[in-house]
Amino acid sequence: MSKSEVKIKLSIPSVGYPRRMFFNRFALQRIDGHALTCFALVDNSGVLRDSYACMLSKQTLKESKESLVKYLGRIGAPKSEPAAWSPPGTAMATDVATVISMGYSEEAEIVLGTFAVGPAVQQVKAADKEIEVDGVACLRCDLETQRQFLAALYAEENR
């Protein structure tokens, strides 16, 4: 780390996410190097029950890559291809996240959060403390779907 760089320690919330959902489908679209991520819950008859979209910036993808690729190494590569799904063709609200965290127990989860970098840098310089992340979304799925999403997220980045 150079002298001009500042290490920001983050505190990720365990509660209070304004968007919570279970998903069993996802789609990724690259827009100028950023990743538009769309998640969906599709029932057994093919009816779309819920959907959610969030933009992950190039910087977010870069800063998260090492930890997420290590995590994928621990949980293993996907055993199958993801189910095909295309997001609705209509406009949908799209959040932005600057933090991606993943974990699993019986179910897997993808936690998305955000913080403002400028004020965070100033706070760390003034008093070396953890910066609280604002929870954006807590997304649940089965472990295989999480593996598929994570593998696709960084496979797409390398194209």
C-alpha atoms as a PDB file:
ATOM      1  CA  MET A   1       0.000   0.000   0.000  1.00  0.00           C
ATOM      2  CA  SER A   2       1.426   3.385  -0.993  1.00  0.00           C
ATOM      3  CA  LYS A   3       1.520   6.389   1.365  1.00  0.00           C
ATOM      4  CA  SER A   4      -1.433   7.966  -0.443  1.00  0.00           C
ATOM      5  CA  GLU A   5      -3.602   4.856  -0.017  1.00  0.00           C
ATOM      6  CA  VAL A   6      -5.880   4.494   2.975  1.00  0.00           C
ATOM      7  CA  LYS A   7      -7.008   1.125   4.315  1.00  0.00           C
ATOM      8  CA  ILE A   8     -10.705   1.241   5.181  1.00  0.00           C
ATOM      9  CA  LYS A   9     -11.987  -1.364   7.647  1.00  0.00           C
ATOM     10  CA  LEU A  10     -15.659  -2.102   7.091  1.00  0.00           C
ATOM     11  CA  SER A  11     -18.365  -3.210   9.493  1.00  0.00           C
ATOM     12  CA  ILE A  12     -21.059  -5.136   7.608  1.00  0.00           C
ATOM     13  CA  PRO A  13     -24.490  -5.156   9.269  1.00  0.00           C
ATOM     14  CA  SER A  14     -26.242  -8.405  10.166  1.00  0.00           C
ATOM     15  CA  VAL A  15     -29.740  -6.847  10.107  1.00  0.00           C
ATOM     16  CA  GLY A  16     -31.668  -3.994   8.540  1.00  0.00           C
ATOM     17  CA  TYR A  17     -31.439  -4.764   4.830  1.00  0.00           C
ATOM     18  CA  PRO A  18     -34.164  -2.882   2.911  1.00  0.00           C
ATOM     19  CA  ARG A  19     -34.241  -5.605   0.229  1.00  0.00           C
ATOM     20  CA  ARG A  20     -34.438  -9.251   1.194  1.00  0.00           C
ATOM     21  CA  MET A  21     -35.352 -12.061  -1.135  1.00  0.00           C
ATOM     22  CA  PHE A  22     -34.786 -15.671  -2.066  1.00  0.00           C
ATOM     23  CA  PHE A  23     -33.679 -16.216  -5.660  1.00  0.00           C
ATOM     24  CA  ASN A  24     -33.209 -19.206  -7.950  1.00  0.00           C
ATOM     25  CA  ARG A  25     -32.253 -17.418 -11.189  1.00  0.00           C
ATOM     26  CA  PHE A  26     -29.790 -14.681 -12.080  1.00  0.00           C
ATOM     27  CA  ALA A  27     -28.502 -12.825 -15.103  1.00  0.00           C
ATOM     28  CA  LEU A  28     -25.392 -10.695 -15.590  1.00  0.00           C
ATOM     29  CA  GLN A  29     -24.873  -7.955 -18.133  1.00  0.00           C
ATOM     30  CA  ARG A  30     -21.655  -6.002 -18.610  1.00  0.00           C
ATOM     31  CA  ILE A  31     -22.098  -2.288 -19.136  1.00  0.00           C
ATOM     32  CA  ASP A  32     -18.821  -0.421 -19.692  1.00  0.00           C
ATOM     33  CA  GLY A  33     -16.989  -2.920 -17.450  1.00  0.00           C
ATOM     34  CA  HIS A  34     -19.536  -2.704 -14.632  1.00  0.00           C
ATOM     35  CA  ALA A  35     -21.829  -5.653 -13.856  1.00  0.00           C
ATOM     36  CA  LEU A  36     -25.592  -5.258 -13.883  1.00  0.00           C
ATOM     37  CA  THR A  37     -26.731  -8.167 -11.737  1.00  0.00           C
ATOM     38  CA  CYS A  38     -30.352  -9.287 -11.843  1.00  0.00           C
ATOM     39  CA  PHE A  39     -31.843 -11.876  -9.508  1.00  0.00           C
ATOM     40  CA  ALA A  40     -35.218 -13.630  -9.731  1.00  0.00           C
ATOM     41  CA  LEU A  41     -37.487 -16.055  -7.984  1.00  0.00           C
ATOM     42  CA  VAL A  42     -39.225 -18.197 -10.595  1.00  0.00           C
ATOM     43  CA  ASP A  43     -41.771 -20.791  -9.451  1.00  0.00           C
ATOM     44  CA  ASN A  44     -42.103 -24.352 -10.785  1.00  0.00           C
ATOM     45  CA  SER A  45     -44.599 -23.257 -13.437  1.00  0.00           C
ATOM     46  CA  GLY A  46     -42.170 -20.636 -14.769  1.00  0.00           C
ATOM     47  CA  VAL A  47     -43.948 -17.614 -13.279  1.00  0.00           C
ATOM     48  CA  LEU A  48     -41.690 -14.771 -12.164  1.00  0.00           C
ATOM     49  CA  ARG A  49     -42.541 -14.151  -8.497  1.00  0.00           C
ATOM     50  CA  ASP A  50     -39.887 -11.563  -7.595  1.00  0.00           C
ATOM     51  CA  SER A  51     -36.898  -9.803  -9.132  1.00  0.00           C
ATOM     52  CA  TYR A  52     -34.145  -7.455  -8.063  1.00  0.00           C
ATOM     53  CA  ALA A  53     -31.339  -5.568  -9.837  1.00  0.00           C
ATOM     54  CA  CYS A  54     -28.086  -4.118  -8.541  1.00  0.00           C
ATOM     55  CA  MET A  55     -25.110  -2.556 -10.312  1.00  0.00           C
ATOM     56  CA  LEU A  56     -21.617  -3.591  -9.226  1.00  0.00           C
ATOM     57  CA  SER A  57     -18.976  -1.135 -10.387  1.00  0.00           C
ATOM     58  CA  LYS A  58     -15.624  -2.062 -11.909  1.00  0.00           C
ATOM     59  CA  GLN A  59     -13.974  -0.861  -8.711  1.00  0.00           C
ATOM     60  CA  THR A  60     -16.252  -3.020  -6.542  1.00  0.00           C
ATOM     61  CA  LEU A  61     -15.543  -6.075  -8.697  1.00  0.00           C
ATOM     62  CA  LYS A  62     -11.798  -5.438  -8.561  1.00  0.00           C
ATOM     63  CA  GLU A  63     -11.688  -4.834  -4.808  1.00  0.00           C
ATOM     64  CA  SER A  64     -13.850  -7.907  -4.062  1.00  0.00           C
ATOM     65  CA  LYS A  65     -12.196 -10.309  -6.465  1.00  0.00           C
ATOM     66  CA  GLU A  66      -9.477 -11.763  -4.225  1.00  0.00           C
ATOM     67  CA  SER A  67     -11.765 -12.595  -1.307  1.00  0.00           C
ATOM     68  CA  LEU A  68     -14.619 -13.879  -3.483  1.00  0.00           C
ATOM     69  CA  VAL A  69     -12.374 -16.074  -5.634  1.00  0.00           C
ATOM     70  CA  LYS A  70     -10.862 -17.519  -2.418  1.00  0.00           C
ATOM     71  CA  TYR A  71     -14.369 -18.133  -1.119  1.00  0.00           C
ATOM     72  CA  LEU A  72     -15.313 -19.927  -4.352  1.00  0.00           C
ATOM     73  CA  GLY A  73     -12.189 -22.074  -3.918  1.00  0.00           C
ATOM     74  CA  ARG A  74     -13.425 -23.092  -0.444  1.00  0.00           C
ATOM     75  CA  ILE A  75     -16.991 -23.907  -1.507  1.00  0.00           C
ATOM     76  CA  GLY A  76     -16.006 -25.516  -4.814  1.00  0.00           C
ATOM     77  CA  ALA A  77     -16.749 -24.839  -8.446  1.00  0.00           C
ATOM     78  CA  PRO A  78     -20.310 -25.126  -9.752  1.00  0.00           C
ATOM     79  CA  LYS A  79     -21.368 -28.659 -10.637  1.00  0.00           C
ATOM     80  CA  SER A  80     -23.886 -27.552 -13.279  1.00  0.00           C
ATOM     81  CA  GLU A  81     -24.769 -24.650 -15.541  1.00  0.00           C
ATOM     82  CA  PRO A  82     -27.191 -22.050 -14.174  1.00  0.00           C
ATOM     83  CA  ALA A  83     -30.830 -22.200 -15.240  1.00  0.00           C
ATOM     84  CA  ALA A  84     -31.462 -19.915 -18.197  1.00  0.00           C
ATOM     85  CA  TRP A  85     -33.312 -16.708 -17.373  1.00  0.00           C
ATOM     86  CA  SER A  86     -33.645 -13.286 -18.951  1.00  0.00           C
ATOM     87  CA  PRO A  87     -34.627 -10.290 -16.837  1.00  0.00           C
ATOM     88  CA  PRO A  88     -37.903  -8.521 -17.616  1.00  0.00           C
ATOM     89  CA  GLY A  89     -37.619  -6.181 -20.592  1.00  0.00           C
ATOM     90  CA  THR A  90     -39.173  -3.316 -18.667  1.00  0.00           C
ATOM     91  CA  ALA A  91     -37.257  -0.777 -16.612  1.00  0.00           C
ATOM     92  CA  MET A  92     -36.689  -1.776 -13.019  1.00  0.00           C
ATOM     93  CA  ALA A  93     -35.229   0.077 -10.063  1.00  0.00           C
ATOM     94  CA  THR A  94     -31.525  -0.696  -9.800  1.00  0.00           C
ATOM     95  CA  ASP A  95     -29.523  -0.384  -6.600  1.00  0.00           C
ATOM     96  CA  VAL A  96     -25.770   0.110  -6.454  1.00  0.00           C
ATOM     97  CA  ALA A  97     -23.435  -1.779  -4.122  1.00  0.00           C
ATOM     98  CA  THR A  98     -19.816  -1.125  -3.235  1.00  0.00           C
ATOM     99  CA  VAL A  99     -19.460  -4.144  -0.947  1.00  0.00           C
ATOM    100  CA  ILE A 100     -20.161  -7.822  -1.693  1.00  0.00           C
ATOM    101  CA  SER A 101     -20.044 -10.443   1.036  1.00  0.00           C
ATOM    102  CA  MET A 102     -20.955 -14.122   0.808  1.00  0.00           C
ATOM    103  CA  GLY A 103     -21.484 -16.963   3.198  1.00  0.00           C
ATOM    104  CA  TYR A 104     -23.486 -20.132   3.685  1.00  0.00           C
ATOM    105  CA  SER A 105     -24.886 -22.565   6.204  1.00  0.00           C
ATOM    106  CA  GLU A 106     -27.856 -24.653   5.062  1.00  0.00           C
ATOM    107  CA  GLU A 107     -28.580 -21.892   2.553  1.00  0.00           C
ATOM    108  CA  ALA A 108     -26.205 -19.503   0.842  1.00  0.00           C
ATOM    109  CA  GLU A 109     -26.436 -15.746   0.944  1.00  0.00           C
ATOM    110  CA  ILE A 110     -25.121 -12.784  -0.958  1.00  0.00           C
ATOM    111  CA  VAL A 111     -25.012  -9.588   1.067  1.00  0.00           C
ATOM    112  CA  LEU A 112     -24.732  -6.283  -0.757  1.00  0.00           C
ATOM    113  CA  GLY A 113     -23.889  -3.001   0.924  1.00  0.00           C
ATOM    114  CA  THR A 114     -22.576   0.455   0.184  1.00  0.00           C
ATOM    115  CA  PHE A 115     -20.652   3.322   1.699  1.00  0.00           C
ATOM    116  CA  ALA A 116     -19.406   6.686   0.480  1.00  0.00           C
ATOM    117  CA  VAL A 117     -15.654   6.495  -0.110  1.00  0.00           C
ATOM    118  CA  GLY A 118     -14.831  10.189   0.354  1.00  0.00           C
ATOM    119  CA  PRO A 119     -16.334  10.581   3.828  1.00  0.00           C
ATOM    120  CA  ALA A 120     -14.999   7.129   4.816  1.00  0.00           C
ATOM    121  CA  VAL A 121     -11.426   8.151   3.907  1.00  0.00           C
ATOM    122  CA  GLN A 122     -11.772  11.349   5.927  1.00  0.00           C
ATOM    123  CA  GLN A 123     -13.156   9.442   8.941  1.00  0.00           C
ATOM    124  CA  VAL A 124     -10.329   6.884   8.817  1.00  0.00           C
ATOM    125  CA  LYS A 125      -7.706   9.643   8.583  1.00  0.00           C
ATOM    126  CA  ALA A 126      -9.276  11.486  11.534  1.00  0.00           C
ATOM    127  CA  ALA A 127      -9.694   8.398  13.729  1.00  0.00           C
ATOM    128  CA  ASP A 128      -8.706   4.907  12.603  1.00  0.00           C
ATOM    129  CA  LYS A 129     -12.089   3.248  13.062  1.00  0.00           C
ATOM    130  CA  GLU A 130     -14.353   0.834  11.232  1.00  0.00           C
ATOM    131  CA  ILE A 131     -16.752   2.329   8.729  1.00  0.00           C
ATOM    132  CA  GLU A 132     -20.315   1.064   8.960  1.00  0.00           C
ATOM    133  CA  VAL A 133     -21.643  -0.224   5.658  1.00  0.00           C
ATOM    134  CA  ASP A 134     -25.231   0.611   4.738  1.00  0.00           C
ATOM    135  CA  GLY A 135     -27.030  -2.653   3.992  1.00  0.00           C
ATOM    136  CA  VAL A 136     -28.519  -2.725   0.506  1.00  0.00           C
ATOM    137  CA  ALA A 137     -29.751  -6.308   0.019  1.00  0.00           C
ATOM    138  CA  CYS A 138     -29.604  -9.738   1.618  1.00  0.00           C
ATOM    139  CA  LEU A 139     -30.193 -12.361  -1.062  1.00  0.00           C
ATOM    140  CA  ARG A 140     -30.652 -16.047  -0.224  1.00  0.00           C
ATOM    141  CA  CYS A 141     -30.301 -19.044  -2.535  1.00  0.00           C
ATOM    142  CA  ASP A 142     -29.067 -22.623  -2.550  1.00  0.00           C
ATOM    143  CA  LEU A 143     -25.299 -23.150  -2.484  1.00  0.00           C
ATOM    144  CA  GLU A 144     -25.104 -24.340  -6.105  1.00  0.00           C
ATOM    145  CA  THR A 145     -26.811 -21.163  -7.341  1.00  0.00           C
ATOM    146  CA  GLN A 146     -24.349 -19.076  -5.333  1.00  0.00           C
ATOM    147  CA  ARG A 147     -21.432 -21.008  -6.867  1.00  0.00           C
ATOM    148  CA  GLN A 148     -22.867 -20.443 -10.344  1.00  0.00           C
ATOM    149  CA  PHE A 149     -23.349 -16.718  -9.726  1.00  0.00           C
ATOM    150  CA  LEU A 150     -19.853 -16.213  -8.369  1.00  0.00           C
ATOM    151  CA  ALA A 151     -18.211 -18.205 -11.179  1.00  0.00           C
ATOM    152  CA  ALA A 152     -20.202 -16.253 -13.779  1.00  0.00           C
ATOM    153  CA  LEU A 153     -19.432 -12.906 -12.146  1.00  0.00           C
ATOM    154  CA  TYR A 154     -15.700 -13.282 -12.572  1.00  0.00           C
ATOM    155  CA  ALA A 155     -15.811 -15.332 -15.806  1.00  0.00           C
ATOM    156  CA  GLU A 156     -17.726 -12.447 -17.400  1.00  0.00           C
ATOM    157  CA  GLU A 157     -15.183  -9.933 -16.072  1.00  0.00           C
ATOM    158  CA  ASN A 158     -12.349 -11.710 -17.892  1.00  0.00           C
ATOM    159  CA  ARG A 159     -14.034 -11.639 -21.303  1.00  0.00           C
END
